[in-house]
Amino acid sequence: MYRCTLTFMMLSLLFSFSGLNAQTPGKKAPKAAPAAPPPPPPPASAAAPTETSFPTARHSSNDSLDFSEGRYGFSYGFPDGGSPFGAGFVGARYFVAPDRSIGAYLLLGDDSSAKTNSFGLAGKYTSYFAKKDRVHLFYFAQLSLGKNGGAANKGKDDTLFGFGGGAGLEYALLKDFSVSAEGGFGYNTLPDSKSAYATGTGKLAVNFYY
């Protein structure tokens, strides 16, 4: 019986030691090493080259005139003769299509050498067919109706109907302002069946557009 009691006590002590060992915490795991710092950025010289953009050349708005459809123009032409075709003019025109206009003009002429003067109305069609920077080339056709009088006519005014055409060039001074020169050839008819040729060589004008 003493053996059984002793055996029981030894087993009890063994189980108690096993319980203590189970409740004893184990060793803590070592702390993780700190993360390595990120590598420094590459120097500026080693950075990838960026694409260089160059400004594109812009066409200056003063290089040429805008003859778009729907624009208006006003002109004053200096006289170079007494006939309606060679008279000075003031008037306006309208662009019915790009580079094409129709206009109405008041004609005023005074030819001191021929001792004649004139006034009348004219209709004019103008078409621009070429341009280079500020220079624009054009041709035109014109119909005119007016009175021609003066000392050479001995106080008698002749009613003239004329038609003609020609070509010229226009130079842009500003975006909407120009000077022009034109030359042409015309033919005037008179009520008494007399007719006369007329020229308007070298006519100068100033023009404004909007």
Protein backbone atom coordinates (compact mmCIF):
# COMPACT_ATOMS: atom_id res chain seq x y z
CA MET A 1 0.00 0.00 0.00
CA TYR A 2 2.90 2.31 0.73
CA ARG A 3 4.19 1.54 -2.76
CA CYS A 4 0.90 2.54 -4.33
CA THR A 5 0.79 5.71 -2.30
CA LEU A 6 4.36 6.57 -3.24
CA THR A 7 3.71 5.84 -6.90
CA PHE A 8 0.61 8.03 -6.84
CA MET A 9 2.57 10.90 -5.26
CA MET A 10 5.34 10.64 -7.84
CA LEU A 11 2.83 10.70 -10.69
CA SER A 12 1.12 13.72 -9.14
CA LEU A 13 4.43 15.58 -8.87
CA LEU A 14 5.27 14.65 -12.47
CA PHE A 15 1.95 16.00 -13.80
CA SER A 16 2.33 19.19 -11.75
CA PHE A 17 5.81 19.86 -13.20
CA SER A 18 4.46 19.21 -16.69
CA GLY A 19 1.70 21.81 -16.13
CA LEU A 20 4.20 24.43 -14.97
CA ASN A 21 6.36 23.86 -18.03
CA ALA A 22 3.32 24.24 -20.31
CA GLN A 23 2.42 27.63 -18.74
CA THR A 24 5.98 29.01 -19.01
CA PRO A 25 6.16 31.27 -22.09
CA GLY A 26 8.73 30.45 -24.71
CA LYS A 27 11.51 32.67 -25.81
CA LYS A 28 10.50 35.71 -27.83
CA ALA A 29 11.36 35.71 -31.56
CA PRO A 30 14.13 38.13 -32.50
CA LYS A 31 12.98 41.47 -33.86
CA ALA A 32 13.06 41.88 -37.65
CA ALA A 33 15.90 43.96 -39.02
CA PRO A 34 14.87 47.50 -40.07
CA ALA A 35 14.12 47.91 -43.82
CA ALA A 36 16.93 49.28 -45.89
CA PRO A 37 16.44 52.96 -46.91
CA PRO A 38 15.38 53.56 -50.56
CA PRO A 39 18.22 54.29 -52.95
CA PRO A 40 18.85 58.00 -53.57
CA PRO A 41 17.45 59.44 -56.84
CA PRO A 42 19.89 59.55 -59.74
CA PRO A 43 21.70 62.83 -60.28
CA ALA A 44 20.18 65.33 -62.70
CA SER A 45 22.84 64.55 -65.30
CA ALA A 46 21.83 60.88 -65.29
CA ALA A 47 18.10 61.55 -65.64
CA ALA A 48 16.46 60.54 -68.89
CA PRO A 49 16.55 63.41 -71.39
CA THR A 50 13.22 65.07 -71.96
CA GLU A 51 11.98 65.87 -75.46
CA THR A 52 12.64 69.47 -76.36
CA SER A 53 9.76 71.24 -78.09
CA PHE A 54 10.50 74.14 -80.39
CA PRO A 55 7.92 76.86 -81.06
CA THR A 56 6.35 76.49 -84.46
CA ALA A 57 6.64 79.40 -86.84
CA ARG A 58 3.46 81.41 -86.92
CA HIS A 59 2.21 83.21 -90.00
CA SER A 60 2.01 86.89 -89.23
CA SER A 61 -1.48 88.31 -89.55
CA ASN A 62 0.02 91.35 -91.29
CA ASP A 63 1.55 89.33 -94.13
CA SER A 64 -1.66 89.11 -96.14
CA LEU A 65 -5.17 90.44 -96.29
CA ASP A 66 -8.28 88.47 -95.42
CA PHE A 67 -10.58 88.21 -98.44
CA SER A 68 -12.99 85.71 -96.88
CA GLU A 69 -16.59 85.46 -97.98
CA GLY A 70 -18.85 87.94 -96.18
CA ARG A 71 -16.22 90.64 -95.61
CA TYR A 72 -16.65 94.29 -96.66
CA GLY A 73 -14.17 96.68 -98.20
CA PHE A 74 -14.08 100.45 -98.66
CA SER A 75 -11.86 102.13 -101.24
CA TYR A 76 -10.81 105.55 -102.45
CA GLY A 77 -9.16 105.80 -105.86
CA PHE A 78 -7.23 108.83 -107.09
CA PRO A 79 -8.33 110.17 -110.49
CA ASP A 80 -6.07 109.93 -113.52
CA GLY A 81 -8.36 111.25 -116.24
CA GLY A 82 -11.64 112.96 -117.01
CA SER A 83 -13.56 110.02 -118.46
CA PRO A 84 -15.65 107.77 -116.21
CA PHE A 85 -13.18 104.93 -116.70
CA GLY A 86 -10.25 107.08 -115.61
CA ALA A 87 -12.09 108.98 -112.87
CA GLY A 88 -11.34 108.76 -109.22
CA PHE A 89 -13.77 106.79 -107.14
CA VAL A 90 -15.06 106.18 -103.65
CA GLY A 91 -17.20 103.19 -102.79
CA ALA A 92 -17.69 99.86 -101.10
CA ARG A 93 -17.65 96.21 -102.05
CA TYR A 94 -18.73 92.87 -100.67
CA PHE A 95 -16.94 89.51 -100.98
CA VAL A 96 -19.47 87.08 -102.41
CA ALA A 97 -16.91 84.27 -102.29
CA PRO A 98 -13.31 83.91 -101.08
CA ASP A 99 -11.12 86.31 -103.12
CA ARG A 100 -14.08 87.54 -105.21
CA SER A 101 -16.00 90.77 -104.66
CA ILE A 102 -18.59 93.00 -106.28
CA GLY A 103 -18.72 96.72 -105.57
CA ALA A 104 -20.50 99.99 -106.30
CA TYR A 105 -18.56 103.23 -106.70
CA LEU A 106 -19.17 106.95 -107.17
CA LEU A 107 -16.95 108.29 -109.95
CA LEU A 108 -15.44 111.78 -109.86
CA GLY A 109 -12.97 112.87 -112.51
CA ASP A 110 -11.25 116.05 -113.60
CA ASP A 111 -8.80 116.16 -116.49
CA SER A 112 -7.24 119.62 -116.55
CA SER A 113 -5.22 118.99 -119.69
CA ALA A 114 -8.30 117.92 -121.66
CA LYS A 115 -10.46 120.49 -119.84
CA THR A 116 -13.08 117.91 -119.02
CA ASN A 117 -14.68 116.63 -115.87
CA SER A 118 -16.97 113.75 -115.14
CA PHE A 119 -19.08 112.06 -112.51
CA GLY A 120 -21.08 108.87 -112.54
CA LEU A 121 -21.62 105.43 -111.06
CA ALA A 122 -19.76 102.19 -111.63
CA GLY A 123 -20.16 98.54 -110.84
CA LYS A 124 -16.99 96.50 -110.48
CA TYR A 125 -16.13 92.81 -110.18
CA THR A 126 -12.73 91.93 -108.70
CA SER A 127 -11.05 88.55 -108.44
CA TYR A 128 -7.73 87.87 -106.65
CA PHE A 129 -5.83 85.07 -108.35
CA ALA A 130 -2.40 85.02 -106.68
CA LYS A 131 -0.63 86.23 -103.57
CA LYS A 132 2.87 86.30 -102.13
CA ASP A 133 3.22 87.42 -98.51
CA ARG A 134 1.73 90.93 -98.51
CA VAL A 135 1.29 91.27 -102.28
CA HIS A 136 -2.01 90.22 -103.90
CA LEU A 137 -2.64 90.17 -107.66
CA PHE A 138 -6.10 90.70 -109.13
CA TYR A 139 -8.04 91.35 -112.29
CA PHE A 140 -11.29 93.28 -112.63
CA ALA A 141 -14.18 94.13 -114.93
CA GLN A 142 -16.12 97.39 -114.73
CA LEU A 143 -19.31 98.97 -116.08
CA SER A 144 -19.84 102.72 -115.73
CA LEU A 145 -22.51 105.30 -116.46
CA GLY A 146 -21.84 109.01 -116.11
CA LYS A 147 -21.71 112.52 -117.42
CA ASN A 148 -18.72 114.05 -119.14
CA GLY A 149 -18.54 117.83 -119.46
CA GLY A 150 -16.29 120.84 -119.06
CA ALA A 151 -14.89 123.68 -121.14
CA ALA A 152 -13.80 121.32 -123.92
CA ASN A 153 -17.43 120.30 -124.42
CA LYS A 154 -18.51 123.95 -124.67
CA GLY A 155 -20.87 123.58 -121.74
CA LYS A 156 -22.49 120.46 -123.09
CA ASP A 157 -22.58 117.35 -120.93
CA ASP A 158 -22.32 114.00 -122.67
CA THR A 159 -23.88 110.90 -121.16
CA LEU A 160 -21.36 108.09 -121.28
CA PHE A 161 -21.75 104.39 -120.92
CA GLY A 162 -18.45 102.61 -120.51
CA PHE A 163 -17.08 99.15 -119.92
CA GLY A 164 -13.58 97.93 -119.40
CA GLY A 165 -11.27 95.71 -117.47
CA GLY A 166 -7.71 95.32 -116.33
CA ALA A 167 -5.39 93.99 -113.67
CA GLY A 168 -3.51 95.27 -110.66
CA LEU A 169 -1.75 94.52 -107.42
CA GLU A 170 -2.55 95.27 -103.80
CA TYR A 171 -0.07 95.58 -100.95
CA ALA A 172 -1.04 95.04 -97.30
CA LEU A 173 0.25 97.78 -95.00
CA LEU A 174 -1.68 96.53 -91.97
CA LYS A 175 -3.96 93.62 -91.26
CA ASP A 176 -7.01 95.32 -92.81
CA PHE A 177 -5.47 98.27 -94.67
CA SER A 178 -3.78 98.33 -98.06
CA VAL A 179 -2.75 100.37 -101.08
CA SER A 180 -3.37 99.23 -104.63
CA ALA A 181 -2.48 100.14 -108.20
CA GLU A 182 -4.28 99.01 -111.31
CA GLY A 183 -4.21 99.55 -115.03
CA GLY A 184 -6.87 98.87 -117.59
CA PHE A 185 -8.48 99.56 -120.89
CA GLY A 186 -12.06 100.69 -121.50
CA TYR A 187 -14.48 101.78 -124.14
CA ASN A 188 -17.03 104.58 -123.78
CA THR A 189 -20.10 104.98 -125.96
CA LEU A 190 -21.93 108.28 -126.58
CA PRO A 191 -25.57 108.90 -127.48
CA ASP A 192 -24.61 110.53 -130.81
CA SER A 193 -22.93 107.31 -131.94
CA LYS A 194 -19.47 108.66 -131.16
CA SER A 195 -17.26 106.38 -129.13
CA ALA A 196 -13.91 106.71 -127.46
CA TYR A 197 -11.36 104.45 -125.91
CA ALA A 198 -10.29 105.21 -122.38
CA THR A 199 -7.43 104.03 -120.26
CA GLY A 200 -6.88 104.08 -116.54
CA THR A 201 -3.21 103.22 -116.38
CA GLY A 202 -1.58 103.53 -112.96
CA LYS A 203 -4.68 104.30 -110.91
CA LEU A 204 -3.83 104.35 -107.20
CA ALA A 205 -6.23 103.58 -104.34
CA VAL A 206 -6.32 103.03 -100.59
CA ASN A 207 -8.46 100.23 -99.18
CA PHE A 208 -9.90 99.28 -95.80
CA TYR A 209 -11.55 95.93 -94.88
CA TYR A 210 -13.64 94.61 -92.03
